């Protein structure tokens, strides 16, 4: 028997978006000044996209210059747990705020590195309501499914969108 997490969309995405915006503003105020000068913090998850369905968490991309990556990773590691389900490379590290409300995911990337794509996906969704509709349909189909299945389907969708845009 597995204890795998399941995808559960929140009933009120607008309320979740407000909670995520509030936490993001607090993070910018508190964490932003501690990060290297090259750091750019961006709210990139579904709660950053008007009309997008969400599980209610906050996803933040933190982009830094390559020289600043080790220092930024150390700052984040001192405050947040590593995301155990994520990879770690020389230009990407993921962290999570398990006890925060809403739940928090932080993706640290080297600017223009291999994994510096989170902001591009958010920009594509904001620019095209038909992509949001497709993404929402995908989420509705996966609601109640194991997170691993949802992530696999979502990753394919993201790759499709990013490959079709500069």
C-alpha atoms as a PDB file:
ATOM      1  CA  UNK A   1       0.000   0.000   0.000  1.00  0.00           C
ATOM      2  CA  UNK A   2       1.334   3.421  -0.940  1.00  0.00           C
ATOM      3  CA  UNK A   3       0.922   6.695   0.899  1.00  0.00           C
ATOM      4  CA  UNK A   4       1.438   8.778  -2.236  1.00  0.00           C
ATOM      5  CA  UNK A   5      -0.098  12.243  -2.161  1.00  0.00           C
ATOM      6  CA  UNK A   6      -3.052  12.901  -4.379  1.00  0.00           C
ATOM      7  CA  UNK A   7      -3.867  16.003  -6.401  1.00  0.00           C
ATOM      8  CA  UNK A   8      -6.704  17.969  -4.842  1.00  0.00           C
ATOM      9  CA  UNK A   9      -7.785  21.249  -6.389  1.00  0.00           C
ATOM     10  CA  UNK A  10      -9.081  23.913  -4.026  1.00  0.00           C
ATOM     11  CA  UNK A  11     -12.742  24.872  -4.215  1.00  0.00           C
ATOM     12  CA  UNK A  12     -12.006  28.616  -4.269  1.00  0.00           C
ATOM     13  CA  UNK A  13      -8.987  29.412  -6.482  1.00  0.00           C
ATOM     14  CA  UNK A  14      -9.484  33.173  -6.049  1.00  0.00           C
ATOM     15  CA  UNK A  15      -9.150  32.868  -2.281  1.00  0.00           C
ATOM     16  CA  UNK A  16      -6.066  30.656  -2.751  1.00  0.00           C
ATOM     17  CA  UNK A  17      -4.604  33.250  -5.134  1.00  0.00           C
ATOM     18  CA  UNK A  18      -5.069  35.988  -2.526  1.00  0.00           C
ATOM     19  CA  UNK A  19      -3.375  33.873   0.177  1.00  0.00           C
ATOM     20  CA  UNK A  20      -0.486  33.099  -2.198  1.00  0.00           C
ATOM     21  CA  UNK A  21      -0.112  36.774  -3.162  1.00  0.00           C
ATOM     22  CA  UNK A  22       0.012  37.719   0.529  1.00  0.00           C
ATOM     23  CA  UNK A  23       2.684  35.125   1.313  1.00  0.00           C
ATOM     24  CA  UNK A  24       4.680  36.114  -1.783  1.00  0.00           C
ATOM     25  CA  UNK A  25       4.699  39.772  -0.699  1.00  0.00           C
ATOM     26  CA  UNK A  26       5.918  38.739   2.770  1.00  0.00           C
ATOM     27  CA  UNK A  27       8.670  36.588   1.241  1.00  0.00           C
ATOM     28  CA  UNK A  28       9.803  39.414  -1.029  1.00  0.00           C
ATOM     29  CA  UNK A  29      10.001  41.727   1.979  1.00  0.00           C
ATOM     30  CA  UNK A  30      11.702  39.250   4.334  1.00  0.00           C
ATOM     31  CA  UNK A  31      13.794  37.010   2.086  1.00  0.00           C
ATOM     32  CA  UNK A  32      14.520  39.320  -0.830  1.00  0.00           C
ATOM     33  CA  UNK A  33      17.063  41.538   0.965  1.00  0.00           C
ATOM     34  CA  UNK A  34      18.987  38.464   2.182  1.00  0.00           C
ATOM     35  CA  UNK A  35      19.523  37.083  -1.326  1.00  0.00           C
ATOM     36  CA  UNK A  36      22.382  38.094  -3.622  1.00  0.00           C
ATOM     37  CA  UNK A  37      21.900  41.295  -5.616  1.00  0.00           C
ATOM     38  CA  UNK A  38      21.369  39.349  -8.840  1.00  0.00           C
ATOM     39  CA  UNK A  39      18.359  37.498  -7.380  1.00  0.00           C
ATOM     40  CA  UNK A  40      14.964  37.910  -8.984  1.00  0.00           C
ATOM     41  CA  UNK A  41      11.963  36.444  -7.133  1.00  0.00           C
ATOM     42  CA  UNK A  42       8.937  35.584  -9.260  1.00  0.00           C
ATOM     43  CA  UNK A  43       5.518  34.179  -8.329  1.00  0.00           C
ATOM     44  CA  UNK A  44       5.183  31.516 -11.023  1.00  0.00           C
ATOM     45  CA  UNK A  45       2.683  28.829 -10.016  1.00  0.00           C
ATOM     46  CA  UNK A  46      -0.993  28.459 -10.815  1.00  0.00           C
ATOM     47  CA  UNK A  47      -1.873  30.990  -8.128  1.00  0.00           C
ATOM     48  CA  UNK A  48       0.023  33.560 -10.236  1.00  0.00           C
ATOM     49  CA  UNK A  49      -2.204  32.943 -13.266  1.00  0.00           C
ATOM     50  CA  UNK A  50      -5.650  34.588 -13.381  1.00  0.00           C
ATOM     51  CA  UNK A  51      -8.365  31.982 -13.927  1.00  0.00           C
ATOM     52  CA  UNK A  52      -6.066  29.019 -13.350  1.00  0.00           C
ATOM     53  CA  UNK A  53      -7.225  26.174 -11.133  1.00  0.00           C
ATOM     54  CA  UNK A  54      -4.842  25.375  -8.298  1.00  0.00           C
ATOM     55  CA  UNK A  55      -4.122  23.076  -5.409  1.00  0.00           C
ATOM     56  CA  UNK A  56      -3.596  26.272  -3.443  1.00  0.00           C
ATOM     57  CA  UNK A  57       0.163  26.393  -2.970  1.00  0.00           C
ATOM     58  CA  UNK A  58       2.640  29.148  -3.762  1.00  0.00           C
ATOM     59  CA  UNK A  59       5.438  28.471  -6.242  1.00  0.00           C
ATOM     60  CA  UNK A  60       8.319  30.927  -6.383  1.00  0.00           C
ATOM     61  CA  UNK A  61      11.162  30.931  -8.888  1.00  0.00           C
ATOM     62  CA  UNK A  62      14.352  32.577  -7.725  1.00  0.00           C
ATOM     63  CA  UNK A  63      16.692  33.338 -10.605  1.00  0.00           C
ATOM     64  CA  UNK A  64      20.327  34.253  -9.901  1.00  0.00           C
ATOM     65  CA  UNK A  65      23.561  34.703 -11.784  1.00  0.00           C
ATOM     66  CA  UNK A  66      25.724  31.560 -11.850  1.00  0.00           C
ATOM     67  CA  UNK A  67      28.310  33.058  -9.473  1.00  0.00           C
ATOM     68  CA  UNK A  68      25.569  33.729  -6.910  1.00  0.00           C
ATOM     69  CA  UNK A  69      23.963  30.272  -7.019  1.00  0.00           C
ATOM     70  CA  UNK A  70      25.970  28.707  -4.128  1.00  0.00           C
ATOM     71  CA  UNK A  71      25.314  31.661  -1.808  1.00  0.00           C
ATOM     72  CA  UNK A  72      21.611  31.765  -2.660  1.00  0.00           C
ATOM     73  CA  UNK A  73      21.323  27.999  -2.153  1.00  0.00           C
ATOM     74  CA  UNK A  74      22.955  28.308   1.269  1.00  0.00           C
ATOM     75  CA  UNK A  75      20.582  31.111   2.293  1.00  0.00           C
ATOM     76  CA  UNK A  76      17.546  29.089   1.233  1.00  0.00           C
ATOM     77  CA  UNK A  77      18.864  25.882   2.855  1.00  0.00           C
ATOM     78  CA  UNK A  78      19.204  27.716   6.171  1.00  0.00           C
ATOM     79  CA  UNK A  79      15.488  28.621   6.133  1.00  0.00           C
ATOM     80  CA  UNK A  80      13.724  25.914   4.144  1.00  0.00           C
ATOM     81  CA  UNK A  81      13.791  22.148   3.777  1.00  0.00           C
ATOM     82  CA  UNK A  82      15.115  20.691   0.546  1.00  0.00           C
ATOM     83  CA  UNK A  83      12.381  19.321  -1.685  1.00  0.00           C
ATOM     84  CA  UNK A  84      13.223  15.645  -1.308  1.00  0.00           C
ATOM     85  CA  UNK A  85      11.241  14.698  -4.418  1.00  0.00           C
ATOM     86  CA  UNK A  86      13.214  17.026  -6.673  1.00  0.00           C
ATOM     87  CA  UNK A  87      16.559  16.839  -8.398  1.00  0.00           C
ATOM     88  CA  UNK A  88      19.530  18.949  -7.336  1.00  0.00           C
ATOM     89  CA  UNK A  89      22.135  20.121  -9.853  1.00  0.00           C
ATOM     90  CA  UNK A  90      24.828  22.773 -10.117  1.00  0.00           C
ATOM     91  CA  UNK A  91      22.199  25.193 -11.480  1.00  0.00           C
ATOM     92  CA  UNK A  92      18.942  24.062  -9.846  1.00  0.00           C
ATOM     93  CA  UNK A  93      17.776  23.429  -6.284  1.00  0.00           C
ATOM     94  CA  UNK A  94      14.245  23.123  -4.913  1.00  0.00           C
ATOM     95  CA  UNK A  95      13.098  23.910  -1.392  1.00  0.00           C
ATOM     96  CA  UNK A  96       9.784  23.817   0.417  1.00  0.00           C
ATOM     97  CA  UNK A  97       8.059  25.513   3.298  1.00  0.00           C
ATOM     98  CA  UNK A  98       6.165  22.575   4.748  1.00  0.00           C
ATOM     99  CA  UNK A  99       4.593  24.400   7.649  1.00  0.00           C
ATOM    100  CA  UNK A 100       3.689  27.573   5.798  1.00  0.00           C
ATOM    101  CA  UNK A 101       0.182  28.493   4.765  1.00  0.00           C
ATOM    102  CA  UNK A 102      -0.219  28.182   1.923  1.00  0.00           C
ATOM    103  CA  UNK A 103       2.358  25.485   1.225  1.00  0.00           C
ATOM    104  CA  UNK A 104       5.459  26.948  -0.406  1.00  0.00           C
ATOM    105  CA  UNK A 105       7.736  25.665  -3.151  1.00  0.00           C
ATOM    106  CA  UNK A 106      10.917  27.526  -4.069  1.00  0.00           C
ATOM    107  CA  UNK A 107      12.847  26.758  -7.243  1.00  0.00           C
ATOM    108  CA  UNK A 108      16.319  28.272  -7.360  1.00  0.00           C
ATOM    109  CA  UNK A 109      17.784  28.453 -10.856  1.00  0.00           C
ATOM    110  CA  UNK A 110      20.787  29.919 -12.565  1.00  0.00           C
ATOM    111  CA  UNK A 111      19.543  32.604 -14.936  1.00  0.00           C
ATOM    112  CA  UNK A 112      19.377  31.185 -18.477  1.00  0.00           C
ATOM    113  CA  UNK A 113      20.384  27.746 -17.172  1.00  0.00           C
ATOM    114  CA  UNK A 114      18.787  24.460 -18.181  1.00  0.00           C
ATOM    115  CA  UNK A 115      16.059  24.681 -15.524  1.00  0.00           C
ATOM    116  CA  UNK A 116      15.347  28.406 -15.806  1.00  0.00           C
ATOM    117  CA  UNK A 117      11.921  27.860 -17.378  1.00  0.00           C
ATOM    118  CA  UNK A 118       9.327  28.417 -14.652  1.00  0.00           C
ATOM    119  CA  UNK A 119       8.806  32.086 -15.484  1.00  0.00           C
ATOM    120  CA  UNK A 120       8.509  31.330 -19.216  1.00  0.00           C
ATOM    121  CA  UNK A 121       5.608  28.942 -18.600  1.00  0.00           C
ATOM    122  CA  UNK A 122       3.812  31.514 -16.421  1.00  0.00           C
ATOM    123  CA  UNK A 123       4.278  34.205 -19.086  1.00  0.00           C
ATOM    124  CA  UNK A 124       2.877  31.879 -21.775  1.00  0.00           C
ATOM    125  CA  UNK A 125      -0.220  31.130 -19.680  1.00  0.00           C
ATOM    126  CA  UNK A 126      -0.844  34.797 -18.852  1.00  0.00           C
ATOM    127  CA  UNK A 127      -0.632  35.657 -22.560  1.00  0.00           C
ATOM    128  CA  UNK A 128      -3.019  32.979 -23.831  1.00  0.00           C
ATOM    129  CA  UNK A 129      -6.359  32.186 -22.145  1.00  0.00           C
ATOM    130  CA  UNK A 130      -6.748  29.104 -24.344  1.00  0.00           C
ATOM    131  CA  UNK A 131      -3.629  27.622 -22.710  1.00  0.00           C
ATOM    132  CA  UNK A 132      -5.134  28.297 -19.274  1.00  0.00           C
ATOM    133  CA  UNK A 133      -8.311  26.494 -20.394  1.00  0.00           C
ATOM    134  CA  UNK A 134      -6.250  23.503 -21.582  1.00  0.00           C
ATOM    135  CA  UNK A 135      -4.238  23.506 -18.350  1.00  0.00           C
ATOM    136  CA  UNK A 136      -7.432  23.671 -16.288  1.00  0.00           C
ATOM    137  CA  UNK A 137      -8.922  20.748 -18.236  1.00  0.00           C
ATOM    138  CA  UNK A 138      -5.762  18.744 -17.541  1.00  0.00           C
ATOM    139  CA  UNK A 139      -6.030  19.557 -13.830  1.00  0.00           C
ATOM    140  CA  UNK A 140      -9.711  18.614 -13.685  1.00  0.00           C
ATOM    141  CA  UNK A 141      -8.933  15.255 -15.320  1.00  0.00           C
ATOM    142  CA  UNK A 142      -6.208  14.623 -12.731  1.00  0.00           C
ATOM    143  CA  UNK A 143      -8.090  15.861  -9.649  1.00  0.00           C
ATOM    144  CA  UNK A 144      -8.000  13.003  -7.140  1.00  0.00           C
ATOM    145  CA  UNK A 145      -5.220  11.185  -9.015  1.00  0.00           C
ATOM    146  CA  UNK A 146      -1.767  10.435  -7.582  1.00  0.00           C
ATOM    147  CA  UNK A 147       0.572  13.438  -7.729  1.00  0.00           C
ATOM    148  CA  UNK A 148       3.138  11.386  -9.663  1.00  0.00           C
ATOM    149  CA  UNK A 149       0.625  10.787 -12.477  1.00  0.00           C
ATOM    150  CA  UNK A 150      -0.434  14.430 -12.477  1.00  0.00           C
ATOM    151  CA  UNK A 151       3.181  15.638 -12.536  1.00  0.00           C
ATOM    152  CA  UNK A 152       3.993  13.398 -15.486  1.00  0.00           C
ATOM    153  CA  UNK A 153       1.050  14.751 -17.496  1.00  0.00           C
ATOM    154  CA  UNK A 154       1.756  18.336 -16.394  1.00  0.00           C
ATOM    155  CA  UNK A 155       5.443  18.044 -17.318  1.00  0.00           C
ATOM    156  CA  UNK A 156       4.523  16.900 -20.837  1.00  0.00           C
ATOM    157  CA  UNK A 157       2.142  19.858 -21.178  1.00  0.00           C
ATOM    158  CA  UNK A 158       4.790  22.307 -19.984  1.00  0.00           C
ATOM    159  CA  UNK A 159       7.388  20.874 -22.390  1.00  0.00           C
ATOM    160  CA  UNK A 160       4.894  21.228 -25.256  1.00  0.00           C
ATOM    161  CA  UNK A 161       4.162  24.863 -24.411  1.00  0.00           C
ATOM    162  CA  UNK A 162       7.802  25.838 -23.885  1.00  0.00           C
ATOM    163  CA  UNK A 163       8.958  24.117 -27.078  1.00  0.00           C
ATOM    164  CA  UNK A 164       6.433  26.095 -29.113  1.00  0.00           C
ATOM    165  CA  UNK A 165       7.551  29.500 -27.772  1.00  0.00           C
ATOM    166  CA  UNK A 166      10.881  31.296 -27.892  1.00  0.00           C
END
